[in-house]
Protein backbone atom coordinates (compact mmCIF):
# COMPACT_ATOMS: atom_id res chain seq x y z
CA MET A 1 15.82 13.30 -16.17
CA PRO A 2 14.81 11.54 -12.93
CA ALA A 3 15.81 14.54 -10.77
CA LEU A 4 13.68 16.95 -12.81
CA ARG A 5 10.76 14.52 -12.74
CA PHE A 6 11.15 14.21 -8.96
CA LEU A 7 11.14 17.99 -8.46
CA LEU A 8 8.15 18.41 -10.77
CA THR A 9 6.21 15.74 -8.87
CA LEU A 10 7.11 17.41 -5.58
CA ALA A 11 5.95 20.80 -6.85
CA VAL A 12 2.64 19.43 -8.15
CA THR A 13 2.04 17.58 -4.88
CA PHE A 14 2.74 20.70 -2.84
CA LEU A 15 0.40 22.73 -5.08
CA GLY A 16 -2.31 20.15 -4.47
CA LEU A 17 -1.67 20.45 -0.73
CA LEU A 18 -2.08 24.22 -0.98
CA ALA A 19 -5.34 23.73 -2.84
CA ILE A 20 -6.65 21.38 -0.14
CA THR A 21 -5.80 23.77 2.70
CA PHE A 22 -7.34 26.66 0.75
CA VAL A 23 -10.58 24.74 0.27
CA ILE A 24 -10.62 23.77 3.95
CA GLY A 25 -10.35 27.43 4.89
CA ARG A 26 -13.38 28.24 2.75
CA VAL A 27 -15.71 25.38 3.67
CA VAL A 28 -15.27 25.13 7.45
CA PRO A 29 -18.15 26.79 9.37
CA ILE A 30 -15.86 29.42 10.90
CA ASP A 31 -15.98 33.04 9.78
CA PRO A 32 -12.42 34.42 9.75
CA VAL A 33 -13.77 37.98 9.80
CA LEU A 34 -15.69 37.39 13.04
CA ALA A 35 -12.56 35.89 14.56
CA VAL A 36 -10.86 39.26 13.95
CA VAL A 37 -13.59 41.83 14.68
CA GLY A 38 -15.70 39.87 17.16
CA ASP A 39 -19.44 39.21 17.07
CA ARG A 40 -20.33 42.68 18.38
CA ALA A 41 -18.81 44.63 15.51
CA SER A 42 -21.04 46.71 13.29
CA ALA A 43 -21.99 45.64 9.79
CA GLU A 44 -19.86 48.45 8.31
CA THR A 45 -16.79 47.29 10.23
CA TYR A 46 -17.46 43.69 9.25
CA GLU A 47 -17.69 44.53 5.54
CA GLN A 48 -14.62 46.77 5.69
CA VAL A 49 -12.47 44.04 7.29
CA ARG A 50 -13.85 41.43 4.90
CA ALA A 51 -12.81 43.59 1.94
CA GLU A 52 -9.37 44.21 3.48
CA MET A 53 -8.89 40.47 3.87
CA GLY A 54 -9.72 39.97 0.18
CA LEU A 55 -12.64 37.65 0.85
CA ASN A 56 -14.87 39.50 -1.63
CA ASP A 57 -12.51 38.73 -4.52
CA PRO A 58 -13.11 35.79 -6.90
CA LEU A 59 -11.87 32.46 -5.55
CA PRO A 60 -9.17 31.96 -8.24
CA LEU A 61 -7.68 35.34 -7.30
CA GLN A 62 -7.84 34.47 -3.59
CA PHE A 63 -6.08 31.16 -4.26
CA ALA A 64 -3.36 32.82 -6.35
CA ARG A 65 -2.79 35.35 -3.57
CA TYR A 66 -2.71 32.53 -1.00
CA VAL A 67 -0.11 30.55 -2.97
CA LEU A 68 2.06 33.65 -3.44
CA SER A 69 1.90 34.44 0.28
CA VAL A 70 2.86 30.89 1.27
CA LEU A 71 5.78 30.87 -1.15
CA GLN A 72 6.98 34.07 0.53
CA GLY A 73 6.69 32.44 3.96
CA ASP A 74 3.64 34.48 4.96
CA LEU A 75 1.00 32.30 6.63
CA GLY A 76 -0.96 35.20 8.06
CA GLN A 77 -1.40 36.52 11.56
CA SER A 78 -2.56 34.41 14.48
CA VAL A 79 -5.60 35.79 16.30
CA SER A 80 -4.72 33.78 19.42
CA THR A 81 -1.11 34.90 19.87
CA GLY A 82 -1.00 38.15 17.90
CA ARG A 83 2.16 36.95 16.15
CA ALA A 84 2.85 35.74 12.64
CA VAL A 85 1.78 32.11 12.19
CA ALA A 86 5.13 31.27 10.58
CA GLU A 87 6.88 32.59 13.69
CA ASP A 88 4.65 30.53 15.96
CA LEU A 89 5.20 27.37 13.93
CA ALA A 90 8.97 27.88 13.91
CA ARG A 91 8.77 28.03 17.70
CA VAL A 92 6.51 24.99 18.33
CA PHE A 93 7.46 22.57 15.56
CA PRO A 94 10.93 21.67 16.92
CA ALA A 95 9.29 20.34 20.11
CA THR A 96 7.15 17.94 18.07
CA LEU A 97 10.08 17.04 15.83
CA GLU A 98 12.27 16.20 18.81
CA MET A 99 9.66 13.99 20.47
CA ALA A 100 8.65 12.22 17.25
CA THR A 101 12.28 11.61 16.26
CA LEU A 102 13.08 9.99 19.59
CA GLY A 103 9.84 8.01 19.28
CA ILE A 104 10.67 6.64 15.83
CA ILE A 105 14.19 5.71 16.99
CA ILE A 106 12.63 3.67 19.79
CA GLY A 107 10.08 2.17 17.41
CA VAL A 108 12.69 1.09 14.85
CA ALA A 109 15.25 -0.14 17.39
CA LEU A 110 12.69 -2.43 19.02
CA GLY A 111 10.12 -3.04 16.31
CA VAL A 112 12.42 -4.39 13.60
CA PRO A 113 14.14 -7.06 15.80
CA MET A 114 10.79 -8.02 17.29
CA GLY A 115 9.31 -8.53 13.83
CA VAL A 116 12.29 -10.61 12.72
CA PHE A 117 12.23 -12.82 15.82
CA ALA A 118 8.46 -13.27 15.58
CA ALA A 119 8.78 -14.47 11.99
CA ALA A 120 11.70 -16.76 12.85
CA ARG A 121 9.65 -18.36 15.64
CA GLN A 122 6.27 -18.37 13.94
CA GLY A 123 3.59 -19.93 16.14
CA SER A 124 5.75 -19.97 19.28
CA TRP A 125 5.00 -18.10 22.49
CA VAL A 126 7.48 -15.39 21.40
CA ASP A 127 5.49 -14.85 18.23
CA GLN A 128 2.22 -14.73 20.15
CA VAL A 129 3.54 -12.18 22.67
CA ILE A 130 4.86 -9.91 19.93
CA ARG A 131 1.59 -10.15 18.03
CA VAL A 132 -0.34 -9.20 21.18
CA ILE A 133 1.94 -6.21 21.67
CA GLY A 134 1.26 -5.20 18.09
CA LEU A 135 -2.50 -5.49 18.57
CA ALA A 136 -2.27 -3.47 21.78
CA GLY A 137 -0.58 -0.69 19.84
CA TYR A 138 -3.64 -0.48 17.61
CA ALA A 139 -6.26 -0.90 20.34
CA ILE A 140 -5.07 1.24 23.27
CA PRO A 141 -6.03 4.93 23.04
CA ALA A 142 -3.03 7.27 23.16
CA PHE A 143 -4.54 9.61 25.76
CA TRP A 144 -5.34 6.70 28.12
CA LEU A 145 -1.83 5.29 27.86
CA GLY A 146 -0.41 8.76 28.45
CA LEU A 147 -2.48 9.29 31.58
CA VAL A 148 -1.62 5.85 32.95
CA GLY A 149 2.06 6.50 32.26
CA LEU A 150 1.93 9.79 34.14
CA VAL A 151 0.19 8.21 37.12
CA ILE A 152 2.63 5.30 37.36
CA PHE A 153 6.01 6.67 36.31
CA TYR A 154 5.65 10.33 37.35
CA ALA A 155 3.14 10.60 40.20
CA ASN A 156 4.00 7.33 41.97
CA LEU A 157 7.49 6.16 41.01
CA ARG A 158 9.00 9.59 40.20
CA TRP A 159 11.13 8.01 37.49
CA VAL A 160 10.38 10.67 34.87
CA GLY A 161 9.54 14.35 34.68
CA GLY A 162 5.95 15.53 34.55
CA PRO A 163 4.03 17.52 31.94
CA GLY A 164 5.88 20.16 30.01
CA ARG A 165 9.19 20.15 28.21
CA ILE A 166 11.52 21.04 31.09
CA ASP A 167 11.38 21.92 34.79
CA LEU A 168 9.88 25.38 35.35
CA PHE A 169 12.95 26.81 37.09
CA LEU A 170 15.07 25.88 34.03
CA ASP A 171 12.59 27.12 31.41
CA GLY A 172 14.21 29.72 29.16
CA MET A 173 17.71 29.09 30.51
CA VAL A 174 18.98 27.23 27.42
CA PRO A 175 20.02 29.43 24.44
CA VAL A 176 17.85 28.56 21.43
CA ARG A 177 19.90 27.45 18.44
CA THR A 178 18.05 24.57 16.82
CA GLY A 179 14.86 24.57 18.88
CA LEU A 180 15.61 20.98 19.87
CA LEU A 181 16.02 21.25 23.63
CA LEU A 182 18.21 18.18 24.05
CA VAL A 183 20.53 19.34 21.28
CA ASP A 184 20.63 22.98 22.44
CA SER A 185 21.36 22.06 26.07
CA ALA A 186 24.13 19.68 24.96
CA ILE A 187 25.67 22.37 22.73
CA ALA A 188 25.54 24.85 25.62
CA GLY A 189 27.06 22.29 27.99
CA ASP A 190 24.09 22.76 30.33
CA TRP A 191 23.81 19.17 31.52
CA GLU A 192 21.33 19.99 34.27
CA SER A 193 18.91 21.24 31.64
CA PHE A 194 19.74 18.25 29.42
CA VAL A 195 18.87 15.78 32.19
CA SER A 196 15.67 17.67 32.99
CA ALA A 197 14.63 17.82 29.32
CA PHE A 198 15.39 14.12 28.86
CA SER A 199 13.35 13.18 31.94
CA HIS A 200 10.38 15.08 30.49
CA ILE A 201 10.62 13.73 26.95
CA VAL A 202 11.37 10.08 27.66
CA LEU A 203 7.82 9.07 28.64
CA PRO A 204 5.84 10.73 25.79
CA ALA A 205 8.50 9.67 23.27
CA THR A 206 8.36 6.09 24.55
CA ILE A 207 4.59 6.05 24.21
CA LEU A 208 4.86 7.34 20.65
CA GLY A 209 7.58 4.76 20.06
CA PHE A 210 5.25 2.04 21.31
CA PHE A 211 2.65 2.90 18.66
CA ALA A 212 5.35 3.03 15.96
CA LEU A 213 6.78 -0.25 17.25
CA ALA A 214 3.41 -1.98 16.91
CA TYR A 215 3.13 -1.10 13.22
CA ILE A 216 6.79 -1.66 12.36
CA ALA A 217 6.96 -5.03 14.13
CA ARG A 218 3.79 -6.22 12.44
CA MET A 219 4.96 -5.23 8.95
CA THR A 220 8.49 -6.60 9.54
CA ARG A 221 7.03 -9.94 10.60
CA SER A 222 4.84 -10.05 7.50
CA PHE A 223 7.74 -9.22 5.16
CA MET A 224 10.04 -11.74 6.85
CA LEU A 225 7.50 -14.55 6.67
CA GLU A 226 7.22 -13.99 2.93
CA GLN A 227 11.00 -14.15 2.52
CA LEU A 228 11.45 -17.17 4.80
CA SER A 229 9.07 -19.17 2.62
CA GLN A 230 11.22 -18.63 -0.50
CA GLU A 231 13.19 -21.49 -2.05
CA TYR A 232 16.58 -19.82 -1.60
CA ILE A 233 16.05 -19.84 2.18
CA VAL A 234 15.30 -23.57 2.09
CA THR A 235 18.44 -24.10 0.02
CA ALA A 236 20.54 -22.10 2.50
CA ARG A 237 19.24 -24.19 5.40
CA VAL A 238 19.98 -27.42 3.52
CA LYS A 239 23.54 -26.22 3.00
CA GLY A 240 23.88 -25.73 6.73
CA VAL A 241 24.06 -21.91 6.79
CA PRO A 242 23.66 -20.68 10.40
CA GLU A 243 20.17 -19.46 11.22
CA ARG A 244 21.48 -16.05 12.27
CA LEU A 245 22.98 -15.48 8.85
CA ILE A 246 19.84 -16.76 7.13
CA LEU A 247 17.71 -14.27 9.04
CA TRP A 248 19.82 -11.13 8.83
CA ARG A 249 21.88 -11.62 5.66
CA HIS A 250 19.59 -13.56 3.35
CA ALA A 251 16.02 -12.83 4.48
CA PHE A 252 16.32 -9.36 6.01
CA ARG A 253 18.28 -7.63 3.25
CA PRO A 254 15.53 -7.91 0.59
CA ILE A 255 12.93 -6.35 2.91
CA ARG A 256 15.00 -3.26 3.78
CA VAL A 257 13.51 -1.36 0.87
CA GLN A 258 9.97 -2.15 2.00
CA LEU A 259 10.80 -1.18 5.56
CA ILE A 260 11.97 2.25 4.42
CA THR A 261 8.43 3.08 3.32
CA VAL A 262 6.96 1.63 6.53
CA ILE A 263 9.36 3.62 8.75
CA GLY A 264 8.81 6.78 6.73
CA LEU A 265 5.03 6.52 7.08
CA SER A 266 5.38 5.78 10.79
CA TYR A 267 7.59 8.82 11.30
CA ALA A 268 5.20 11.08 9.41
CA GLY A 269 2.32 9.61 11.42
CA LEU A 270 4.08 10.46 14.69
CA LEU A 271 4.67 14.04 13.53
CA GLU A 272 1.07 14.59 12.54
CA GLY A 273 -0.69 12.33 15.03
CA SER A 274 0.84 13.40 18.34
CA VAL A 275 -2.04 15.73 19.24
CA MET A 276 -3.36 13.56 22.05
CA ILE A 277 0.07 12.94 23.57
CA GLU A 278 0.95 16.63 23.41
CA THR A 279 -2.36 17.52 25.07
CA VAL A 280 -1.91 14.99 27.88
CA PHE A 281 1.70 15.99 28.54
CA SER A 282 1.19 19.75 27.97
CA TRP A 283 3.86 19.49 25.32
CA PRO A 284 4.34 22.82 23.49
CA GLY A 285 4.37 21.29 20.02
CA ILE A 286 2.48 21.75 16.81
CA GLY A 287 -0.32 19.38 17.86
CA ASN A 288 -1.04 21.40 20.98
CA TYR A 289 -0.82 24.60 18.93
CA LEU A 290 -3.29 23.26 16.38
CA THR A 291 -5.74 22.18 19.09
CA THR A 292 -5.64 25.61 20.74
CA ALA A 293 -6.13 27.30 17.36
CA LEU A 294 -9.18 25.15 16.61
CA LEU A 295 -10.75 25.97 19.98
CA ASN A 296 -10.15 29.69 19.36
CA ALA A 297 -11.43 29.59 15.76
CA ASP A 298 -7.99 30.86 14.66
CA MET A 299 -8.16 29.81 11.01
CA ASN A 300 -4.80 31.28 9.96
CA ALA A 301 -3.08 29.20 12.63
CA VAL A 302 -5.15 26.10 11.78
CA LEU A 303 -4.39 26.32 8.07
CA GLY A 304 -0.72 27.13 8.69
CA ALA A 305 -0.27 24.16 11.01
CA THR A 306 -2.17 21.88 8.62
CA LEU A 307 -0.01 23.04 5.74
CA VAL A 308 3.23 22.41 7.65
CA ILE A 309 2.11 18.95 8.75
CA GLY A 310 1.07 18.09 5.20
CA ALA A 311 4.36 19.42 3.80
CA VAL A 312 6.33 17.33 6.28
CA PHE A 313 4.31 14.24 5.35
CA VAL A 314 4.93 14.86 1.64
CA GLY A 315 8.63 15.54 2.26
CA ILE A 316 9.14 12.34 4.25
CA ASN A 317 7.20 10.33 1.68
CA LYS A 318 9.25 11.71 -1.20
CA GLY A 319 12.46 11.22 0.79
CA SER A 320 11.50 7.59 1.35
CA ASP A 321 10.92 7.19 -2.39
CA ALA A 322 14.35 8.67 -3.13
CA LEU A 323 16.04 6.34 -0.64
CA TYR A 324 14.03 3.46 -2.09
CA ARG A 325 15.57 4.19 -5.49
CA VAL A 326 19.07 4.34 -4.02
CA LEU A 327 18.79 0.93 -2.35
CA ASP A 328 16.85 -0.78 -5.16
CA PRO A 329 18.37 -0.17 -8.62
CA ARG A 330 15.30 -1.75 -10.24
CA ALA A 331 13.19 1.24 -9.11
CA ARG A 332 15.38 3.69 -11.06
CA THR A 333 14.16 2.54 -14.43
């Protein structure tokens, strides 16, 4: 029963994620009661609120209550916004999802061909340039690249929109259906808002795509070099098979399965690691929300955002495993 085993593994992994977030909420040096009542509240008020929050109960009971609440979609109330954390996350997560999705599309569309060409021309100037680009993706800080991009392409050249998700005079004009501004504006036929949203997202998404590109190109090159050294590639060249077919039909096909895992990890990394980019570009996503919650000692919001990011990472990882099994029959056994 592979499907049952997959669901059981997913459930156990998610339970472990809940346990980790629960422990984080208990060990961080932030008092959730003080975040609610303030540091000037009386001792009686403090103890009353602490009891109401269930913090005097045994830890196993607190964890069971926490798991039950999460399964019901209740992540608590945000001290910062005064709204339910689940409502806040449903509002901010689509912004991060939209930017990260466009970023991974850019990373895959450029990174995979770059890795293939670098391997095909190992040791040439093309290979060296691509390897330098890959190293730059690891070495350059995201916030620095974001600031430089804003100065050059927004402040000086005016090629892209500035911080934020859309021009201020268009903010709130697009009916929310999916939360993805590009999709919603296209559905509504509001092309002015679509162009504005695209001009704002293209720079941060490209920067995220650059970091994904660096990793994907590096791993693609490594996988291709391994395949190009195999005997069947030598045999194909001796038979006079065109180099293009050798690269894309013979050498690239076996590495597709490995690339699925690489792309999945890159995508999850963009979703969870876009905090700096969202801060620089004032992007109203989950990374910005998490940063604000940390600064305000809003533990419900912090744990809720952490849980969502972890769940997305687990979901993408398990989805990659499932696709891995579809493409590689040997993994089904």
